[in-house]
N, C-alpha and C. Protein backbone atom coordinates (compact mmCIF):
# COMPACT_ATOMS: atom_id res chain seq x y z
N UNK A 1 -40.00 23.79 -16.87
CA UNK A 1 -38.88 22.69 -17.34
C UNK A 1 -38.74 22.67 -18.86
N UNK A 2 -39.96 22.93 -19.47
CA UNK A 2 -39.92 22.96 -20.88
C UNK A 2 -39.04 23.89 -21.53
N UNK A 3 -39.01 25.13 -21.09
CA UNK A 3 -38.08 26.09 -21.60
C UNK A 3 -36.57 25.71 -21.33
N UNK A 4 -36.31 25.19 -20.25
CA UNK A 4 -34.94 24.62 -20.10
C UNK A 4 -34.73 23.58 -21.11
N UNK A 5 -35.65 22.63 -21.38
CA UNK A 5 -35.31 21.63 -22.36
C UNK A 5 -35.07 22.42 -23.79
N UNK A 6 -35.93 23.24 -23.88
CA UNK A 6 -35.87 24.11 -25.28
C UNK A 6 -34.52 24.72 -25.34
N UNK A 7 -34.27 25.41 -24.42
CA UNK A 7 -32.85 26.12 -24.42
C UNK A 7 -31.62 25.08 -24.80
N UNK A 8 -31.69 24.00 -24.15
CA UNK A 8 -30.60 22.95 -24.22
C UNK A 8 -30.72 22.31 -25.64
N UNK A 9 -31.96 22.21 -26.27
CA UNK A 9 -32.38 21.65 -27.56
C UNK A 9 -31.62 22.72 -28.63
N UNK A 10 -31.79 23.91 -28.44
CA UNK A 10 -31.34 25.11 -29.26
C UNK A 10 -29.73 24.90 -29.27
N UNK A 11 -29.21 24.80 -28.01
CA UNK A 11 -27.64 24.90 -27.95
C UNK A 11 -27.20 23.62 -28.68
N UNK A 12 -27.79 22.38 -28.55
CA UNK A 12 -27.44 21.09 -29.20
C UNK A 12 -27.50 21.33 -30.71
N UNK A 13 -28.55 21.95 -31.23
CA UNK A 13 -28.83 21.98 -32.47
C UNK A 13 -27.77 22.96 -33.11
N UNK A 14 -27.50 24.11 -32.28
CA UNK A 14 -26.43 25.19 -32.96
C UNK A 14 -24.97 24.34 -32.96
N UNK A 15 -24.72 23.64 -31.93
CA UNK A 15 -23.42 22.96 -32.00
C UNK A 15 -23.46 21.90 -33.06
N UNK A 16 -24.50 21.28 -33.32
CA UNK A 16 -24.49 20.26 -34.54
C UNK A 16 -24.43 20.88 -35.87
N UNK A 17 -25.08 22.05 -36.03
CA UNK A 17 -25.13 22.83 -37.35
C UNK A 17 -23.68 23.46 -37.41
N UNK A 18 -23.21 23.99 -36.48
CA UNK A 18 -21.88 24.52 -36.57
C UNK A 18 -20.77 23.36 -36.97
N UNK A 19 -20.90 22.21 -36.38
CA UNK A 19 -19.92 21.13 -36.51
C UNK A 19 -20.26 20.56 -38.09
N UNK A 20 -21.14 20.81 -38.82
CA UNK A 20 -21.47 20.42 -40.06
C UNK A 20 -20.20 20.81 -41.04
N UNK A 21 -19.87 22.09 -40.87
CA UNK A 21 -18.61 22.64 -41.82
C UNK A 21 -17.46 21.82 -41.38
N UNK A 22 -17.12 21.73 -40.19
CA UNK A 22 -15.96 21.10 -39.64
C UNK A 22 -15.80 19.63 -40.11
N UNK A 23 -17.12 18.95 -40.33
CA UNK A 23 -17.16 17.59 -40.55
C UNK A 23 -16.63 17.21 -41.99
N UNK A 24 -16.58 18.18 -42.71
CA UNK A 24 -16.04 18.14 -44.19
C UNK A 24 -16.80 16.99 -44.94
N UNK A 25 -18.04 17.05 -44.95
CA UNK A 25 -18.98 16.19 -45.58
C UNK A 25 -18.93 14.77 -44.88
N UNK A 26 -18.82 14.86 -43.71
CA UNK A 26 -18.73 13.59 -42.91
C UNK A 26 -17.35 12.78 -43.09
N UNK A 27 -16.44 13.49 -43.45
CA UNK A 27 -15.06 12.65 -43.44
C UNK A 27 -14.25 12.80 -42.29
N UNK A 28 -14.57 13.85 -41.31
CA UNK A 28 -13.82 13.91 -40.17
C UNK A 28 -14.65 13.37 -39.02
N UNK A 29 -14.10 12.46 -38.31
CA UNK A 29 -14.72 11.62 -37.22
C UNK A 29 -15.41 12.53 -36.15
N UNK A 30 -14.68 13.34 -35.41
CA UNK A 30 -15.09 14.00 -34.28
C UNK A 30 -16.09 14.95 -34.66
N UNK A 31 -16.02 15.85 -35.66
CA UNK A 31 -17.17 16.72 -36.04
C UNK A 31 -18.28 16.06 -36.35
N UNK A 32 -18.24 14.95 -37.23
CA UNK A 32 -19.35 14.24 -37.44
C UNK A 32 -20.09 13.57 -36.31
N UNK A 33 -19.29 13.10 -35.43
CA UNK A 33 -19.98 12.69 -34.18
C UNK A 33 -20.84 13.67 -33.49
N UNK A 34 -20.26 14.95 -33.42
CA UNK A 34 -20.78 16.15 -32.81
C UNK A 34 -22.13 16.36 -33.50
N UNK A 35 -22.10 16.31 -34.80
CA UNK A 35 -23.30 16.58 -35.68
C UNK A 35 -24.39 15.58 -35.36
N UNK A 36 -24.01 14.30 -35.29
CA UNK A 36 -25.14 13.24 -34.95
C UNK A 36 -25.62 13.37 -33.52
N UNK A 37 -24.73 13.41 -32.64
CA UNK A 37 -25.12 13.56 -31.16
C UNK A 37 -25.90 14.81 -30.96
N UNK A 38 -25.50 15.99 -31.50
CA UNK A 38 -26.13 17.26 -31.21
C UNK A 38 -27.74 17.29 -31.86
N UNK A 39 -27.84 16.71 -33.10
CA UNK A 39 -29.19 16.65 -33.79
C UNK A 39 -30.03 15.55 -32.96
N UNK A 40 -29.40 14.50 -32.44
CA UNK A 40 -29.96 13.57 -31.71
C UNK A 40 -30.67 14.02 -30.36
N UNK A 41 -29.74 14.70 -29.64
CA UNK A 41 -30.18 15.35 -28.35
C UNK A 41 -31.23 16.44 -28.54
N UNK A 42 -31.05 17.17 -29.71
CA UNK A 42 -31.97 18.41 -29.86
C UNK A 42 -33.30 17.88 -30.21
N UNK A 43 -33.38 16.85 -31.01
CA UNK A 43 -34.75 16.40 -31.39
C UNK A 43 -35.41 15.60 -30.25
N UNK A 44 -34.58 14.80 -29.48
CA UNK A 44 -35.21 14.22 -28.25
C UNK A 44 -35.74 15.21 -27.28
N UNK A 45 -35.14 16.29 -27.18
CA UNK A 45 -35.46 17.32 -26.18
C UNK A 45 -36.60 17.91 -26.51
N UNK A 46 -36.79 18.19 -28.03
CA UNK A 46 -37.93 18.80 -28.49
C UNK A 46 -39.20 18.00 -28.36
N UNK A 47 -39.05 16.61 -28.34
CA UNK A 47 -40.10 15.79 -28.08
C UNK A 47 -40.71 15.91 -26.62
N UNK A 48 -39.64 16.40 -25.66
CA UNK A 48 -40.18 16.65 -24.29
C UNK A 48 -40.82 18.10 -24.29
N UNK A 49 -40.22 19.04 -25.08
CA UNK A 49 -40.95 20.35 -24.90
C UNK A 49 -42.44 20.29 -25.60
N UNK A 50 -42.57 19.40 -26.59
CA UNK A 50 -43.89 19.40 -27.24
C UNK A 50 -45.05 18.92 -26.18
N UNK A 51 -44.67 18.19 -25.01
CA UNK A 51 -45.66 17.80 -24.19
C UNK A 51 -46.35 19.21 -23.51
N UNK A 52 -45.61 20.24 -23.59
CA UNK A 52 -46.17 21.51 -22.83
C UNK A 52 -46.41 22.61 -23.74
N UNK A 53 -45.49 22.87 -24.70
CA UNK A 53 -45.53 24.09 -25.70
C UNK A 53 -45.95 23.51 -27.01
N UNK A 54 -47.11 24.18 -27.58
CA UNK A 54 -47.53 23.85 -28.94
C UNK A 54 -46.30 23.76 -30.05
N UNK A 55 -46.44 22.89 -30.90
CA UNK A 55 -45.47 22.61 -31.93
C UNK A 55 -45.10 23.96 -32.78
N UNK A 56 -46.09 24.71 -33.08
CA UNK A 56 -45.73 25.98 -33.96
C UNK A 56 -44.79 26.83 -33.14
N UNK A 57 -45.16 26.93 -31.81
CA UNK A 57 -44.43 28.01 -31.08
C UNK A 57 -43.13 27.38 -30.75
N UNK A 58 -42.99 26.02 -30.35
CA UNK A 58 -41.70 25.39 -30.38
C UNK A 58 -40.68 25.61 -31.43
N UNK A 59 -41.41 25.34 -32.52
CA UNK A 59 -40.54 25.27 -33.63
C UNK A 59 -40.02 26.76 -34.14
N UNK A 60 -40.94 27.79 -33.83
CA UNK A 60 -40.56 29.17 -34.12
C UNK A 60 -39.44 29.68 -33.30
N UNK A 61 -39.50 29.12 -31.90
CA UNK A 61 -38.46 29.63 -31.19
C UNK A 61 -37.16 28.77 -31.39
N UNK A 62 -37.09 27.41 -31.65
CA UNK A 62 -36.24 26.55 -31.90
C UNK A 62 -35.38 27.12 -33.10
N UNK A 63 -36.11 27.17 -34.22
CA UNK A 63 -35.54 27.63 -35.54
C UNK A 63 -35.02 29.20 -35.51
N UNK A 64 -35.89 30.01 -34.94
CA UNK A 64 -35.47 31.48 -35.01
C UNK A 64 -34.19 31.79 -34.13
N UNK A 65 -34.23 31.15 -32.92
CA UNK A 65 -33.02 31.39 -32.04
C UNK A 65 -31.86 30.69 -32.69
N UNK A 66 -31.99 29.38 -33.13
CA UNK A 66 -31.04 28.57 -33.82
C UNK A 66 -30.39 29.50 -35.05
N UNK A 67 -31.19 30.08 -35.75
CA UNK A 67 -30.57 30.92 -36.98
C UNK A 67 -29.74 31.87 -36.39
N UNK A 68 -30.16 32.62 -35.36
CA UNK A 68 -29.22 33.91 -34.86
C UNK A 68 -27.90 33.26 -34.34
N UNK A 69 -28.08 32.13 -33.50
CA UNK A 69 -26.92 31.73 -32.80
C UNK A 69 -26.02 31.06 -33.84
N UNK A 70 -26.44 30.31 -34.74
CA UNK A 70 -25.54 29.77 -35.73
C UNK A 70 -24.79 30.92 -36.56
N UNK A 71 -25.44 31.92 -36.78
CA UNK A 71 -24.85 33.07 -37.47
C UNK A 71 -23.70 33.62 -36.62
N UNK A 72 -23.99 33.73 -35.33
CA UNK A 72 -23.07 34.25 -34.45
C UNK A 72 -21.65 33.41 -34.46
N UNK A 73 -22.04 32.00 -34.43
CA UNK A 73 -20.95 31.05 -34.35
C UNK A 73 -20.30 31.05 -35.58
N UNK A 74 -20.91 31.09 -36.82
CA UNK A 74 -20.19 31.16 -38.14
C UNK A 74 -19.41 32.38 -38.08
N UNK A 75 -19.85 33.42 -37.54
CA UNK A 75 -18.99 34.88 -37.69
C UNK A 75 -17.59 34.72 -36.79
N UNK A 76 -17.87 33.86 -35.59
CA UNK A 76 -16.55 33.76 -34.71
C UNK A 76 -15.74 32.82 -35.27
N UNK A 77 -16.19 31.58 -35.67
CA UNK A 77 -15.51 30.32 -35.99
C UNK A 77 -15.06 30.37 -37.27
N UNK A 78 -15.99 30.79 -38.23
CA UNK A 78 -15.40 30.79 -39.65
C UNK A 78 -15.32 32.09 -40.19
N UNK A 79 -15.37 33.22 -39.63
CA UNK A 79 -15.20 34.51 -40.19
C UNK A 79 -16.20 34.77 -41.21
N UNK A 80 -17.35 34.32 -41.12
CA UNK A 80 -18.45 34.46 -42.14
C UNK A 80 -19.38 35.63 -41.53
N UNK A 81 -18.93 36.82 -41.76
CA UNK A 81 -19.64 38.01 -41.22
C UNK A 81 -20.94 38.38 -42.03
N UNK A 82 -22.09 38.55 -41.39
CA UNK A 82 -23.16 38.76 -42.02
C UNK A 82 -23.26 40.35 -42.57
N UNK A 83 -24.03 40.47 -43.61
CA UNK A 83 -24.13 41.86 -44.25
C UNK A 83 -25.24 42.48 -43.44
N UNK A 84 -25.56 43.79 -43.87
CA UNK A 84 -26.50 44.56 -43.21
C UNK A 84 -27.94 43.97 -43.35
N UNK A 85 -28.31 43.47 -44.66
CA UNK A 85 -29.63 42.72 -44.83
C UNK A 85 -29.75 41.43 -43.92
N UNK A 86 -28.67 40.68 -43.83
CA UNK A 86 -28.75 39.57 -42.75
C UNK A 86 -29.04 39.90 -41.34
N UNK A 87 -28.31 41.10 -40.94
CA UNK A 87 -28.54 41.45 -39.47
C UNK A 87 -29.99 42.15 -39.41
N UNK A 88 -30.37 42.76 -40.37
CA UNK A 88 -31.77 43.31 -40.07
C UNK A 88 -32.80 42.08 -40.02
N UNK A 89 -32.51 41.06 -40.87
CA UNK A 89 -33.51 39.99 -40.97
C UNK A 89 -33.40 39.18 -39.66
N UNK A 90 -32.29 38.98 -39.04
CA UNK A 90 -32.09 38.44 -37.77
C UNK A 90 -32.76 39.27 -36.58
N UNK A 91 -32.71 40.66 -36.80
CA UNK A 91 -33.30 41.53 -35.71
C UNK A 91 -34.81 41.09 -35.83
N UNK A 92 -35.36 41.02 -37.01
CA UNK A 92 -36.90 40.58 -37.25
C UNK A 92 -37.11 39.40 -36.50
N UNK A 93 -36.35 38.43 -36.80
CA UNK A 93 -36.44 37.05 -36.07
C UNK A 93 -36.48 37.20 -34.62
N UNK A 94 -35.57 37.98 -34.10
CA UNK A 94 -35.60 38.22 -32.64
C UNK A 94 -36.77 38.96 -32.19
N UNK A 95 -37.16 39.89 -32.90
CA UNK A 95 -38.47 40.67 -32.56
C UNK A 95 -39.63 39.55 -32.47
N UNK A 96 -39.74 38.93 -33.53
CA UNK A 96 -40.89 37.83 -33.55
C UNK A 96 -40.65 36.87 -32.45
N UNK A 97 -39.60 36.45 -31.93
CA UNK A 97 -39.45 35.61 -30.81
C UNK A 97 -39.97 36.31 -29.62
N UNK A 98 -39.60 37.74 -29.45
CA UNK A 98 -40.02 38.42 -28.37
C UNK A 98 -41.69 38.65 -28.29
N UNK A 99 -42.13 38.92 -29.50
CA UNK A 99 -43.52 39.02 -29.56
C UNK A 99 -44.27 37.78 -29.06
N UNK A 100 -43.72 36.65 -29.68
CA UNK A 100 -44.44 35.29 -29.27
C UNK A 100 -44.37 35.23 -27.75
N UNK A 101 -43.29 35.31 -27.11
CA UNK A 101 -43.11 35.12 -25.67
C UNK A 101 -43.89 36.10 -24.81
N UNK A 102 -44.10 37.36 -25.36
CA UNK A 102 -44.84 38.36 -24.48
C UNK A 102 -46.33 38.24 -24.75
N UNK A 103 -46.78 38.22 -26.05
CA UNK A 103 -48.16 38.43 -26.39
C UNK A 103 -48.91 37.11 -26.65
N UNK A 104 -48.23 36.06 -26.88
CA UNK A 104 -49.06 34.89 -27.52
C UNK A 104 -49.70 34.26 -26.41
N UNK A 105 -51.03 33.99 -26.77
CA UNK A 105 -51.80 33.23 -25.64
C UNK A 105 -51.81 31.82 -25.77
N UNK A 106 -51.12 31.25 -26.88
CA UNK A 106 -50.80 29.94 -27.01
C UNK A 106 -49.92 29.12 -26.03
N UNK A 107 -49.04 30.03 -25.47
CA UNK A 107 -48.07 29.42 -24.56
C UNK A 107 -48.35 29.95 -23.00
N UNK A 108 -47.99 29.02 -22.26
CA UNK A 108 -48.05 29.41 -20.72
C UNK A 108 -47.03 30.22 -20.43
N UNK A 109 -47.11 31.23 -19.65
CA UNK A 109 -46.02 32.04 -19.16
C UNK A 109 -45.77 31.86 -17.79
């Protein structure tokens, strides 16, 4: 169940972060509400995840996957296309998440 909570926390954080630009410095109501609700839900779900998964692993997965997904949303919604260096860096982040999930002894599989 912890991984389901973590997945939803990541999606909520990505939605919140993506809505930051649309909020126009919190001057637009709906995007601003999405930011607040998204971060609130994400952090609440992270507290549930931390019952099972160590904080370092939780944060690595949440932040790493969030970075990649926010970049994808930025490319689609805002036409902010990452350059080659950014793509390589995100590839390394994905590789790190895979290594953690396959080889780490600090998480239960």
